[in-house]
Amino acid sequence: MPSTALPSAGRTGARQRAYDAMPAPKLVFAIGSCACGGGVWFDSYSVLGPVEKVIPVTYYIPGCPPRPEAIIYGVAVALGLVDNKVAPVEFKQAEFPIPRYHPADLRREGDMVVYEKLEKV
């Protein structure tokens, strides 16, 4: 089911009924930046947001307007004719030098608490 328009409050029911009437392998393509994320109207009063808020989306084809090659490539990926171009993503925890405090190394001077051993790890 190609979805190219923004989901508005008036069209939500019709889009949901069309999705429910589809046969078993339900493939939904969000075509264009409006369908993928709401486009420039994402915060408008009559727009609900991306299509995935109304029906589950299987494939996203971005672009404003999407290029014909991108649409053909998205359909070819859905049919299994070409491999998916996905780069592996590695997440690395950032390491910040955080001082470690031990309660035995703290002493009170008036209203302040002073740490006697300043060591960065």
PDB file of N, CA and C in Angstrom:
ATOM      1  N   MET A   1       0.849  -1.160   0.000  1.00  0.00           N
ATOM      2  CA  MET A   1       0.000   0.000   0.000  1.00  0.00           C
ATOM      3  C   MET A   1       0.902   1.232   0.000  1.00  0.00           C
ATOM      4  N   PRO A   2       0.943   1.979  -1.058  1.00  0.00           N
ATOM      5  CA  PRO A   2       1.750   3.210  -1.061  1.00  0.00           C
ATOM      6  C   PRO A   2       1.025   4.322  -0.316  1.00  0.00           C
ATOM      7  N   SER A   3       1.758   4.983   0.540  1.00  0.00           N
ATOM      8  CA  SER A   3       1.194   6.103   1.285  1.00  0.00           C
ATOM      9  C   SER A   3       2.072   7.316   1.034  1.00  0.00           C
ATOM     10  N   THR A   4       1.525   8.300   0.348  1.00  0.00           N
ATOM     11  CA  THR A   4       2.310   9.474  -0.003  1.00  0.00           C
ATOM     12  C   THR A   4       1.813  10.744   0.673  1.00  0.00           C
ATOM     13  N   ALA A   5       0.652  10.706   1.261  1.00  0.00           N
ATOM     14  CA  ALA A   5       0.071  11.930   1.822  1.00  0.00           C
ATOM     15  C   ALA A   5       0.186  11.944   3.334  1.00  0.00           C
ATOM     16  N   LEU A   6      -0.009  13.112   3.893  1.00  0.00           N
ATOM     17  CA  LEU A   6       0.002  13.279   5.337  1.00  0.00           C
ATOM     18  C   LEU A   6      -1.266  12.705   5.945  1.00  0.00           C
ATOM     19  N   PRO A   7      -1.158  12.067   7.104  1.00  0.00           N
ATOM     20  CA  PRO A   7      -2.379  11.600   7.756  1.00  0.00           C
ATOM     21  C   PRO A   7      -3.063  12.744   8.486  1.00  0.00           C
ATOM     22  N   SER A   8      -4.217  13.108   8.025  1.00  0.00           N
ATOM     23  CA  SER A   8      -4.994  14.142   8.703  1.00  0.00           C
ATOM     24  C   SER A   8      -6.154  13.474   9.432  1.00  0.00           C
ATOM     25  N   ALA A   9      -6.796  14.218  10.282  1.00  0.00           N
ATOM     26  CA  ALA A   9      -7.856  13.654  11.114  1.00  0.00           C
ATOM     27  C   ALA A   9      -9.009  13.100  10.279  1.00  0.00           C
ATOM     28  N   GLY A  10      -9.305  13.718   9.146  1.00  0.00           N
ATOM     29  CA  GLY A  10     -10.427  13.261   8.327  1.00  0.00           C
ATOM     30  C   GLY A  10     -10.146  12.002   7.526  1.00  0.00           C
ATOM     31  N   ARG A  11      -8.885  11.746   7.194  1.00  0.00           N
ATOM     32  CA  ARG A  11      -8.544  10.599   6.359  1.00  0.00           C
ATOM     33  C   ARG A  11      -8.066   9.389   7.144  1.00  0.00           C
ATOM     34  N   THR A  12      -7.950   9.492   8.415  1.00  0.00           N
ATOM     35  CA  THR A  12      -7.400   8.408   9.225  1.00  0.00           C
ATOM     36  C   THR A  12      -8.259   7.159   9.167  1.00  0.00           C
ATOM     37  N   GLY A  13      -9.549   7.309   9.277  1.00  0.00           N
ATOM     38  CA  GLY A  13     -10.448   6.155   9.249  1.00  0.00           C
ATOM     39  C   GLY A  13     -10.409   5.423   7.923  1.00  0.00           C
ATOM     40  N   ALA A  14     -10.394   6.167   6.822  1.00  0.00           N
ATOM     41  CA  ALA A  14     -10.352   5.539   5.503  1.00  0.00           C
ATOM     42  C   ALA A  14      -9.030   4.804   5.297  1.00  0.00           C
ATOM     43  N   ARG A  15      -7.938   5.400   5.745  1.00  0.00           N
ATOM     44  CA  ARG A  15      -6.624   4.745   5.598  1.00  0.00           C
ATOM     45  C   ARG A  15      -6.557   3.479   6.447  1.00  0.00           C
ATOM     46  N   GLN A  16      -7.115   3.510   7.642  1.00  0.00           N
ATOM     47  CA  GLN A  16      -7.114   2.330   8.510  1.00  0.00           C
ATOM     48  C   GLN A  16      -7.986   1.229   7.919  1.00  0.00           C
ATOM     49  N   ARG A  17      -9.142   1.584   7.339  1.00  0.00           N
ATOM     50  CA  ARG A  17     -10.002   0.576   6.714  1.00  0.00           C
ATOM     51  C   ARG A  17      -9.337  -0.050   5.493  1.00  0.00           C
ATOM     52  N   ALA A  18      -8.617   0.759   4.710  1.00  0.00           N
ATOM     53  CA  ALA A  18      -7.900   0.219   3.549  1.00  0.00           C
ATOM     54  C   ALA A  18      -6.791  -0.720   3.999  1.00  0.00           C
ATOM     55  N   TYR A  19      -6.106  -0.379   5.093  1.00  0.00           N
ATOM     56  CA  TYR A  19      -5.050  -1.260   5.610  1.00  0.00           C
ATOM     57  C   TYR A  19      -5.646  -2.567   6.118  1.00  0.00           C
ATOM     58  N   ASP A  20      -6.764  -2.496   6.812  1.00  0.00           N
ATOM     59  CA  ASP A  20      -7.411  -3.709   7.333  1.00  0.00           C
ATOM     60  C   ASP A  20      -7.927  -4.603   6.217  1.00  0.00           C
ATOM     61  N   ALA A  21      -8.288  -4.020   5.064  1.00  0.00           N
ATOM     62  CA  ALA A  21      -8.822  -4.799   3.945  1.00  0.00           C
ATOM     63  C   ALA A  21      -7.729  -5.440   3.096  1.00  0.00           C
ATOM     64  N   MET A  22      -6.467  -5.101   3.338  1.00  0.00           N
ATOM     65  CA  MET A  22      -5.363  -5.675   2.556  1.00  0.00           C
ATOM     66  C   MET A  22      -5.177  -7.148   2.879  1.00  0.00           C
ATOM     67  N   PRO A  23      -4.720  -7.945   1.888  1.00  0.00           N
ATOM     68  CA  PRO A  23      -4.431  -9.354   2.174  1.00  0.00           C
ATOM     69  C   PRO A  23      -3.190  -9.513   3.051  1.00  0.00           C
ATOM     70  N   ALA A  24      -2.893 -10.760   3.413  1.00  0.00           N
ATOM     71  CA  ALA A  24      -1.923 -11.111   4.447  1.00  0.00           C
ATOM     72  C   ALA A  24      -0.534 -10.466   4.374  1.00  0.00           C
ATOM     73  N   PRO A  25       0.267 -10.584   3.348  1.00  0.00           N
ATOM     74  CA  PRO A  25       1.566  -9.898   3.458  1.00  0.00           C
ATOM     75  C   PRO A  25       1.383  -8.401   3.250  1.00  0.00           C
ATOM     76  N   LYS A  26       1.143  -7.692   4.329  1.00  0.00           N
ATOM     77  CA  LYS A  26       0.841  -6.260   4.244  1.00  0.00           C
ATOM     78  C   LYS A  26       2.133  -5.467   4.145  1.00  0.00           C
ATOM     79  N   LEU A  27       2.414  -4.910   2.984  1.00  0.00           N
ATOM     80  CA  LEU A  27       3.577  -4.066   2.766  1.00  0.00           C
ATOM     81  C   LEU A  27       3.103  -2.633   2.621  1.00  0.00           C
ATOM     82  N   VAL A  28       3.586  -1.765   3.485  1.00  0.00           N
ATOM     83  CA  VAL A  28       3.206  -0.359   3.451  1.00  0.00           C
ATOM     84  C   VAL A  28       4.463   0.453   3.171  1.00  0.00           C
ATOM     85  N   PHE A  29       4.417   1.269   2.131  1.00  0.00           N
ATOM     86  CA  PHE A  29       5.525   2.135   1.750  1.00  0.00           C
ATOM     87  C   PHE A  29       5.167   3.570   2.117  1.00  0.00           C
ATOM     88  N   ALA A  30       6.009   4.201   2.918  1.00  0.00           N
ATOM     89  CA  ALA A  30       5.864   5.629   3.197  1.00  0.00           C
ATOM     90  C   ALA A  30       6.750   6.344   2.189  1.00  0.00           C
ATOM     91  N   ILE A  31       6.137   6.982   1.207  1.00  0.00           N
ATOM     92  CA  ILE A  31       6.869   7.575   0.092  1.00  0.00           C
ATOM     93  C   ILE A  31       6.872   9.092   0.248  1.00  0.00           C
ATOM     94  N   GLY A  32       8.074   9.651   0.370  1.00  0.00           N
ATOM     95  CA  GLY A  32       8.223  11.094   0.486  1.00  0.00           C
ATOM     96  C   GLY A  32       8.417  11.520   1.929  1.00  0.00           C
ATOM     97  N   SER A  33       8.979  12.695   2.108  1.00  0.00           N
ATOM     98  CA  SER A  33       9.257  13.163   3.462  1.00  0.00           C
ATOM     99  C   SER A  33       7.978  13.497   4.231  1.00  0.00           C
ATOM    100  N   CYS A  34       6.909  13.842   3.537  1.00  0.00           N
ATOM    101  CA  CYS A  34       5.649  14.113   4.235  1.00  0.00           C
ATOM    102  C   CYS A  34       5.105  12.845   4.884  1.00  0.00           C
ATOM    103  N   ALA A  35       5.133  11.730   4.163  1.00  0.00           N
ATOM    104  CA  ALA A  35       4.627  10.481   4.709  1.00  0.00           C
ATOM    105  C   ALA A  35       5.579   9.895   5.741  1.00  0.00           C
ATOM    106  N   CYS A  36       6.880  10.100   5.559  1.00  0.00           N
ATOM    107  CA  CYS A  36       7.869   9.530   6.488  1.00  0.00           C
ATOM    108  C   CYS A  36       7.894  10.257   7.821  1.00  0.00           C
ATOM    109  N   GLY A  37       7.848  11.577   7.812  1.00  0.00           N
ATOM    110  CA  GLY A  37       7.981  12.306   9.060  1.00  0.00           C
ATOM    111  C   GLY A  37       7.055  13.480   9.230  1.00  0.00           C
ATOM    112  N   GLY A  38       6.201  13.747   8.276  1.00  0.00           N
ATOM    113  CA  GLY A  38       5.285  14.875   8.381  1.00  0.00           C
ATOM    114  C   GLY A  38       5.691  16.063   7.540  1.00  0.00           C
ATOM    115  N   GLY A  39       6.928  16.070   7.034  1.00  0.00           N
ATOM    116  CA  GLY A  39       7.370  17.163   6.182  1.00  0.00           C
ATOM    117  C   GLY A  39       7.364  18.494   6.913  1.00  0.00           C
ATOM    118  N   VAL A  40       7.117  19.553   6.186  1.00  0.00           N
ATOM    119  CA  VAL A  40       7.101  20.881   6.798  1.00  0.00           C
ATOM    120  C   VAL A  40       5.822  21.134   7.581  1.00  0.00           C
ATOM    121  N   TRP A  41       4.843  20.247   7.445  1.00  0.00           N
ATOM    122  CA  TRP A  41       3.563  20.426   8.141  1.00  0.00           C
ATOM    123  C   TRP A  41       3.449  19.517   9.356  1.00  0.00           C
ATOM    124  N   PHE A  42       4.567  19.009   9.896  1.00  0.00           N
ATOM    125  CA  PHE A  42       4.498  18.030  10.976  1.00  0.00           C
ATOM    126  C   PHE A  42       3.836  18.580  12.230  1.00  0.00           C
ATOM    127  N   ASP A  43       3.885  19.902  12.451  1.00  0.00           N
ATOM    128  CA  ASP A  43       3.288  20.458  13.657  1.00  0.00           C
ATOM    129  C   ASP A  43       2.027  21.268  13.373  1.00  0.00           C
ATOM    130  N   SER A  44       1.429  21.037  12.231  1.00  0.00           N
ATOM    131  CA  SER A  44       0.197  21.741  11.884  1.00  0.00           C
ATOM    132  C   SER A  44      -0.974  21.160  12.680  1.00  0.00           C
ATOM    133  N   TYR A  45      -2.000  21.946  12.859  1.00  0.00           N
ATOM    134  CA  TYR A  45      -3.137  21.516  13.675  1.00  0.00           C
ATOM    135  C   TYR A  45      -3.909  20.359  13.061  1.00  0.00           C
ATOM    136  N   SER A  46      -3.924  20.242  11.739  1.00  0.00           N
ATOM    137  CA  SER A  46      -4.727  19.195  11.109  1.00  0.00           C
ATOM    138  C   SER A  46      -3.922  17.947  10.764  1.00  0.00           C
ATOM    139  N   VAL A  47      -2.616  17.971  10.986  1.00  0.00           N
ATOM    140  CA  VAL A  47      -1.764  16.836  10.627  1.00  0.00           C
ATOM    141  C   VAL A  47      -1.441  16.040  11.879  1.00  0.00           C
ATOM    142  N   LEU A  48      -1.602  14.723  11.790  1.00  0.00           N
ATOM    143  CA  LEU A  48      -1.325  13.855  12.930  1.00  0.00           C
ATOM    144  C   LEU A  48       0.145  13.506  13.060  1.00  0.00           C
ATOM    145  N   GLY A  49       0.928  13.718  12.009  1.00  0.00           N
ATOM    146  CA  GLY A  49       2.348  13.372  12.015  1.00  0.00           C
ATOM    147  C   GLY A  49       2.662  12.404  10.902  1.00  0.00           C
ATOM    148  N   PRO A  50       3.656  11.550  11.066  1.00  0.00           N
ATOM    149  CA  PRO A  50       3.979  10.582  10.028  1.00  0.00           C
ATOM    150  C   PRO A  50       2.897   9.515   9.902  1.00  0.00           C
ATOM    151  N   VAL A  51       2.937   8.785   8.797  1.00  0.00           N
ATOM    152  CA  VAL A  51       1.928   7.757   8.515  1.00  0.00           C
ATOM    153  C   VAL A  51       1.979   6.641   9.556  1.00  0.00           C
ATOM    154  N   GLU A  52       3.159   6.400  10.150  1.00  0.00           N
ATOM    155  CA  GLU A  52       3.289   5.307  11.105  1.00  0.00           C
ATOM    156  C   GLU A  52       2.456   5.513  12.364  1.00  0.00           C
ATOM    157  N   LYS A  53       1.929   6.691  12.585  1.00  0.00           N
ATOM    158  CA  LYS A  53       1.024   6.915  13.717  1.00  0.00           C
ATOM    159  C   LYS A  53      -0.358   6.339  13.439  1.00  0.00           C
ATOM    160  N   VAL A  54      -0.672   6.100  12.161  1.00  0.00           N
ATOM    161  CA  VAL A  54      -1.989   5.591  11.803  1.00  0.00           C
ATOM    162  C   VAL A  54      -1.922   4.102  11.467  1.00  0.00           C
ATOM    163  N   ILE A  55      -0.987   3.720  10.612  1.00  0.00           N
ATOM    164  CA  ILE A  55      -0.816   2.323  10.210  1.00  0.00           C
ATOM    165  C   ILE A  55       0.669   1.976  10.295  1.00  0.00           C
ATOM    166  N   PRO A  56       1.008   0.699  10.536  1.00  0.00           N
ATOM    167  CA  PRO A  56       2.425   0.327  10.605  1.00  0.00           C
ATOM    168  C   PRO A  56       3.078   0.392   9.225  1.00  0.00           C
ATOM    169  N   VAL A  57       4.242   1.022   9.149  1.00  0.00           N
ATOM    170  CA  VAL A  57       4.957   1.196   7.883  1.00  0.00           C
ATOM    171  C   VAL A  57       6.075   0.172   7.804  1.00  0.00           C
ATOM    172  N   THR A  58       6.187  -0.476   6.637  1.00  0.00           N
ATOM    173  CA  THR A  58       7.213  -1.483   6.430  1.00  0.00           C
ATOM    174  C   THR A  58       8.467  -0.889   5.812  1.00  0.00           C
ATOM    175  N   TYR A  59       8.316  -0.024   4.809  1.00  0.00           N
ATOM    176  CA  TYR A  59       9.450   0.550   4.085  1.00  0.00           C
ATOM    177  C   TYR A  59       9.293   2.066   3.981  1.00  0.00           C
ATOM    178  N   TYR A  60      10.403   2.765   4.189  1.00  0.00           N
ATOM    179  CA  TYR A  60      10.430   4.221   4.083  1.00  0.00           C
ATOM    180  C   TYR A  60      11.239   4.608   2.854  1.00  0.00           C
ATOM    181  N   ILE A  61      10.679   5.494   2.031  1.00  0.00           N
ATOM    182  CA  ILE A  61      11.380   6.030   0.868  1.00  0.00           C
ATOM    183  C   ILE A  61      11.389   7.545   1.029  1.00  0.00           C
ATOM    184  N   PRO A  62      12.512   8.113   1.516  1.00  0.00           N
ATOM    185  CA  PRO A  62      12.558   9.547   1.788  1.00  0.00           C
ATOM    186  C   PRO A  62      12.753  10.358   0.512  1.00  0.00           C
ATOM    187  N   GLY A  63      12.578  11.649   0.648  1.00  0.00           N
ATOM    188  CA  GLY A  63      12.800  12.577  -0.455  1.00  0.00           C
ATOM    189  C   GLY A  63      11.642  13.530  -0.604  1.00  0.00           C
ATOM    190  N   CYS A  64      11.948  14.714  -1.090  1.00  0.00           N
ATOM    191  CA  CYS A  64      10.904  15.708  -1.307  1.00  0.00           C
ATOM    192  C   CYS A  64      11.200  16.448  -2.615  1.00  0.00           C
ATOM    193  N   PRO A  65      10.662  16.000  -3.689  1.00  0.00           N
ATOM    194  CA  PRO A  65       9.936  14.756  -3.922  1.00  0.00           C
ATOM    195  C   PRO A  65      10.902  13.586  -4.028  1.00  0.00           C
ATOM    196  N   PRO A  66      10.430  12.368  -3.761  1.00  0.00           N
ATOM    197  CA  PRO A  66      11.328  11.222  -3.885  1.00  0.00           C
ATOM    198  C   PRO A  66      11.676  10.976  -5.349  1.00  0.00           C
ATOM    199  N   ARG A  67      12.927  10.643  -5.593  1.00  0.00           N
ATOM    200  CA  ARG A  67      13.362  10.392  -6.958  1.00  0.00           C
ATOM    201  C   ARG A  67      12.791   9.066  -7.449  1.00  0.00           C
ATOM    202  N   PRO A  68      12.513   8.940  -8.732  1.00  0.00           N
ATOM    203  CA  PRO A  68      11.984   7.672  -9.254  1.00  0.00           C
ATOM    204  C   PRO A  68      12.914   6.492  -8.975  1.00  0.00           C
ATOM    205  N   GLU A  69      14.240   6.746  -9.008  1.00  0.00           N
ATOM    206  CA  GLU A  69      15.177   5.663  -8.714  1.00  0.00           C
ATOM    207  C   GLU A  69      15.028   5.175  -7.281  1.00  0.00           C
ATOM    208  N   ALA A  70      14.744   6.099  -6.364  1.00  0.00           N
ATOM    209  CA  ALA A  70      14.574   5.723  -4.961  1.00  0.00           C
ATOM    210  C   ALA A  70      13.327   4.870  -4.781  1.00  0.00           C
ATOM    211  N   ILE A  71      12.251   5.204  -5.478  1.00  0.00           N
ATOM    212  CA  ILE A  71      11.024   4.414  -5.386  1.00  0.00           C
ATOM    213  C   ILE A  71      11.248   3.022  -5.959  1.00  0.00           C
ATOM    214  N   ILE A  72      11.920   2.949  -7.107  1.00  0.00           N
ATOM    215  CA  ILE A  72      12.208   1.647  -7.717  1.00  0.00           C
ATOM    216  C   ILE A  72      13.108   0.827  -6.795  1.00  0.00           C
ATOM    217  N   TYR A  73      14.112   1.468  -6.197  1.00  0.00           N
ATOM    218  CA  TYR A  73      15.002   0.759  -5.287  1.00  0.00           C
ATOM    219  C   TYR A  73      14.243   0.251  -4.061  1.00  0.00           C
ATOM    220  N   GLY A  74      13.337   1.067  -3.501  1.00  0.00           N
ATOM    221  CA  GLY A  74      12.553   0.642  -2.347  1.00  0.00           C
ATOM    222  C   GLY A  74      11.673  -0.549  -2.650  1.00  0.00           C
ATOM    223  N   VAL A  75      11.064  -0.568  -3.818  1.00  0.00           N
ATOM    224  CA  VAL A  75      10.229  -1.707  -4.214  1.00  0.00           C
ATOM    225  C   VAL A  75      11.108  -2.929  -4.457  1.00  0.00           C
ATOM    226  N   ALA A  76      12.294  -2.742  -5.048  1.00  0.00           N
ATOM    227  CA  ALA A  76      13.201  -3.864  -5.292  1.00  0.00           C
ATOM    228  C   ALA A  76      13.703  -4.459  -3.982  1.00  0.00           C
ATOM    229  N   VAL A  77      13.954  -3.632  -2.980  1.00  0.00           N
ATOM    230  CA  VAL A  77      14.350  -4.141  -1.665  1.00  0.00           C
ATOM    231  C   VAL A  77      13.204  -4.937  -1.048  1.00  0.00           C
ATOM    232  N   ALA A  78      11.979  -4.440  -1.193  1.00  0.00           N
ATOM    233  CA  ALA A  78      10.821  -5.140  -0.637  1.00  0.00           C
ATOM    234  C   ALA A  78      10.618  -6.499  -1.305  1.00  0.00           C
ATOM    235  N   LEU A  79      10.891  -6.584  -2.593  1.00  0.00           N
ATOM    236  CA  LEU A  79      10.730  -7.851  -3.308  1.00  0.00           C
ATOM    237  C   LEU A  79      11.923  -8.775  -3.136  1.00  0.00           C
ATOM    238  N   GLY A  80      13.016  -8.279  -2.569  1.00  0.00           N
ATOM    239  CA  GLY A  80      14.197  -9.093  -2.364  1.00  0.00           C
ATOM    240  C   GLY A  80      15.089  -9.184  -3.585  1.00  0.00           C
ATOM    241  N   LEU A  81      14.940  -8.285  -4.527  1.00  0.00           N
ATOM    242  CA  LEU A  81      15.743  -8.308  -5.748  1.00  0.00           C
ATOM    243  C   LEU A  81      17.143  -7.743  -5.537  1.00  0.00           C
ATOM    244  N   VAL A  82      17.316  -6.830  -4.595  1.00  0.00           N
ATOM    245  CA  VAL A  82      18.622  -6.248  -4.296  1.00  0.00           C
ATOM    246  C   VAL A  82      18.852  -6.325  -2.787  1.00  0.00           C
ATOM    247  N   ASP A  83      20.119  -6.224  -2.414  1.00  0.00           N
ATOM    248  CA  ASP A  83      20.460  -6.231  -0.994  1.00  0.00           C
ATOM    249  C   ASP A  83      20.187  -4.868  -0.389  1.00  0.00           C
ATOM    250  N   ASN A  84      19.904  -4.887   0.881  1.00  0.00           N
ATOM    251  CA  ASN A  84      19.659  -3.652   1.622  1.00  0.00           C
ATOM    252  C   ASN A  84      20.995  -2.957   1.872  1.00  0.00           C
ATOM    253  N   LYS A  85      21.094  -1.679   1.605  1.00  0.00           N
ATOM    254  CA  LYS A  85      22.317  -0.922   1.844  1.00  0.00           C
ATOM    255  C   LYS A  85      22.255  -0.332   3.248  1.00  0.00           C
ATOM    256  N   VAL A  86      22.799  -1.078   4.187  1.00  0.00           N
ATOM    257  CA  VAL A  86      22.785  -0.630   5.569  1.00  0.00           C
ATOM    258  C   VAL A  86      24.208  -0.676   6.088  1.00  0.00           C
ATOM    259  N   ALA A  87      24.656   0.421   6.632  1.00  0.00           N
ATOM    260  CA  ALA A  87      25.993   0.481   7.211  1.00  0.00           C
ATOM    261  C   ALA A  87      25.923   0.031   8.663  1.00  0.00           C
ATOM    262  N   PRO A  88      26.898  -0.758   9.106  1.00  0.00           N
ATOM    263  CA  PRO A  88      26.884  -1.164  10.515  1.00  0.00           C
ATOM    264  C   PRO A  88      27.146   0.032  11.419  1.00  0.00           C
ATOM    265  N   VAL A  89      26.459   0.060  12.526  1.00  0.00           N
ATOM    266  CA  VAL A  89      26.582   1.162  13.473  1.00  0.00           C
ATOM    267  C   VAL A  89      27.183   0.630  14.760  1.00  0.00           C
ATOM    268  N   GLU A  90      28.228   1.280  15.237  1.00  0.00           N
ATOM    269  CA  GLU A  90      28.836   0.911  16.505  1.00  0.00           C
ATOM    270  C   GLU A  90      28.616   2.037  17.503  1.00  0.00           C
ATOM    271  N   PHE A  91      28.181   1.677  18.682  1.00  0.00           N
ATOM    272  CA  PHE A  91      28.001   2.644  19.736  1.00  0.00           C
ATOM    273  C   PHE A  91      29.135   2.484  20.733  1.00  0.00           C
ATOM    274  N   LYS A  92      29.743   3.585  21.098  1.00  0.00           N
ATOM    275  CA  LYS A  92      30.837   3.556  22.057  1.00  0.00           C
ATOM    276  C   LYS A  92      30.504   4.514  23.190  1.00  0.00           C
ATOM    277  N   GLN A  93      30.666   4.031  24.386  1.00  0.00           N
ATOM    278  CA  GLN A  93      30.387   4.850  25.554  1.00  0.00           C
ATOM    279  C   GLN A  93      31.471   5.909  25.695  1.00  0.00           C
ATOM    280  N   ALA A  94      31.066   7.134  25.821  1.00  0.00           N
ATOM    281  CA  ALA A  94      32.026   8.217  26.009  1.00  0.00           C
ATOM    282  C   ALA A  94      32.611   8.144  27.416  1.00  0.00           C
ATOM    283  N   GLU A  95      33.908   8.360  27.499  1.00  0.00           N
ATOM    284  CA  GLU A  95      34.582   8.306  28.789  1.00  0.00           C
ATOM    285  C   GLU A  95      34.978   9.711  29.201  1.00  0.00           C
ATOM    286  N   PHE A  96      34.458  10.143  30.315  1.00  0.00           N
ATOM    287  CA  PHE A  96      34.762  11.459  30.844  1.00  0.00           C
ATOM    288  C   PHE A  96      35.581  11.297  32.112  1.00  0.00           C
ATOM    289  N   PRO A  97      36.567  12.152  32.327  1.00  0.00           N
ATOM    290  CA  PRO A  97      37.321  12.064  33.584  1.00  0.00           C
ATOM    291  C   PRO A  97      36.465  12.571  34.740  1.00  0.00           C
ATOM    292  N   ILE A  98      36.030  11.649  35.555  1.00  0.00           N
ATOM    293  CA  ILE A  98      35.158  11.985  36.675  1.00  0.00           C
ATOM    294  C   ILE A  98      35.938  11.737  37.966  1.00  0.00           C
ATOM    295  N   PRO A  99      36.032  12.730  38.832  1.00  0.00           N
ATOM    296  CA  PRO A  99      36.745  12.496  40.086  1.00  0.00           C
ATOM    297  C   PRO A  99      35.965  11.538  40.976  1.00  0.00           C
ATOM    298  N   ARG A 100      36.688  10.641  41.625  1.00  0.00           N
ATOM    299  CA  ARG A 100      36.066   9.692  42.542  1.00  0.00           C
ATOM    300  C   ARG A 100      36.286  10.192  43.972  1.00  0.00           C
ATOM    301  N   TYR A 101      35.204  10.263  44.704  1.00  0.00           N
ATOM    302  CA  TYR A 101      35.278  10.755  46.077  1.00  0.00           C
ATOM    303  C   TYR A 101      35.057   9.598  47.043  1.00  0.00           C
ATOM    304  N   HIS A 102      35.836   9.595  48.114  1.00  0.00           N
ATOM    305  CA  HIS A 102      35.626   8.628  49.180  1.00  0.00           C
ATOM    306  C   HIS A 102      35.254   9.425  50.426  1.00  0.00           C
ATOM    307  N   PRO A 103      34.277   8.971  51.157  1.00  0.00           N
ATOM    308  CA  PRO A 103      33.844   9.748  52.331  1.00  0.00           C
ATOM    309  C   PRO A 103      34.945  10.002  53.349  1.00  0.00           C
ATOM    310  N   ALA A 104      35.948   9.110  53.409  1.00  0.00           N
ATOM    311  CA  ALA A 104      37.027   9.310  54.380  1.00  0.00           C
ATOM    312  C   ALA A 104      37.937  10.465  53.978  1.00  0.00           C
ATOM    313  N   ASP A 105      37.932  10.837  52.682  1.00  0.00           N
ATOM    314  CA  ASP A 105      38.802  11.902  52.193  1.00  0.00           C
ATOM    315  C   ASP A 105      38.118  13.272  52.191  1.00  0.00           C
ATOM    316  N   LEU A 106      36.914  13.376  52.722  1.00  0.00           N
ATOM    317  CA  LEU A 106      36.187  14.642  52.766  1.00  0.00           C
ATOM    318  C   LEU A 106      36.311  15.241  54.157  1.00  0.00           C
ATOM    319  N   ARG A 107      36.500  16.560  54.221  1.00  0.00           N
ATOM    320  CA  ARG A 107      36.508  17.248  55.510  1.00  0.00           C
ATOM    321  C   ARG A 107      35.699  18.533  55.385  1.00  0.00           C
ATOM    322  N   ARG A 108      35.080  18.902  56.467  1.00  0.00           N
ATOM    323  CA  ARG A 108      34.218  20.079  56.473  1.00  0.00           C
ATOM    324  C   ARG A 108      34.993  21.276  56.973  1.00  0.00           C
ATOM    325  N   GLU A 109      34.881  22.387  56.204  1.00  0.00           N
ATOM    326  CA  GLU A 109      35.457  23.669  56.607  1.00  0.00           C
ATOM    327  C   GLU A 109      34.348  24.708  56.576  1.00  0.00           C
ATOM    328  N   GLY A 110      33.744  24.936  57.685  1.00  0.00           N
ATOM    329  CA  GLY A 110      32.638  25.888  57.750  1.00  0.00           C
ATOM    330  C   GLY A 110      31.428  25.343  57.010  1.00  0.00           C
ATOM    331  N   ASP A 111      30.972  26.072  55.972  1.00  0.00           N
ATOM    332  CA  ASP A 111      29.830  25.640  55.183  1.00  0.00           C
ATOM    333  C   ASP A 111      30.239  24.793  53.983  1.00  0.00           C
ATOM    334  N   MET A 112      31.528  24.622  53.762  1.00  0.00           N
ATOM    335  CA  MET A 112      32.000  23.902  52.566  1.00  0.00           C
ATOM    336  C   MET A 112      32.549  22.539  52.946  1.00  0.00           C
ATOM    337  N   VAL A 113      32.477  21.612  51.988  1.00  0.00           N
ATOM    338  CA  VAL A 113      33.080  20.295  52.121  1.00  0.00           C
ATOM    339  C   VAL A 113      34.251  20.254  51.158  1.00  0.00           C
ATOM    340  N   VAL A 114      35.445  19.967  51.662  1.00  0.00           N
ATOM    341  CA  VAL A 114      36.668  19.984  50.861  1.00  0.00           C
ATOM    342  C   VAL A 114      37.163  18.556  50.680  1.00  0.00           C
ATOM    343  N   TYR A 115      37.520  18.231  49.454  1.00  0.00           N
ATOM    344  CA  TYR A 115      38.084  16.921  49.150  1.00  0.00           C
ATOM    345  C   TYR A 115      39.595  17.037  49.210  1.00  0.00           C
ATOM    346  N   GLU A 116      40.245  16.199  50.012  1.00  0.00           N
ATOM    347  CA  GLU A 116      41.673  16.317  50.237  1.00  0.00           C
ATOM    348  C   GLU A 116      42.510  15.710  49.126  1.00  0.00           C
ATOM    349  N   LYS A 117      42.078  14.611  48.522  1.00  0.00           N
ATOM    350  CA  LYS A 117      42.838  13.956  47.446  1.00  0.00           C
ATOM    351  C   LYS A 117      42.128  14.204  46.126  1.00  0.00           C
ATOM    352  N   LEU A 118      42.633  15.076  45.307  1.00  0.00           N
ATOM    353  CA  LEU A 118      42.011  15.323  44.010  1.00  0.00           C
ATOM    354  C   LEU A 118      42.737  14.479  42.972  1.00  0.00           C
ATOM    355  N   GLU A 119      42.056  13.430  42.531  1.00  0.00           N
ATOM    356  CA  GLU A 119      42.621  12.495  41.565  1.00  0.00           C
ATOM    357  C   GLU A 119      41.621  12.289  40.448  1.00  0.00           C
ATOM    358  N   LYS A 120      42.031  12.466  39.211  1.00  0.00           N
ATOM    359  CA  LYS A 120      41.120  12.217  38.083  1.00  0.00           C
ATOM    360  C   LYS A 120      41.341  10.794  37.592  1.00  0.00           C
ATOM    361  N   VAL A 121      40.267  10.116  37.300  1.00  0.00           N
ATOM    362  CA  VAL A 121      40.332   8.747  36.802  1.00  0.00           C
ATOM    363  C   VAL A 121      40.126   8.759  35.305  1.00  0.00           C
TER     364      VAL A 121
END
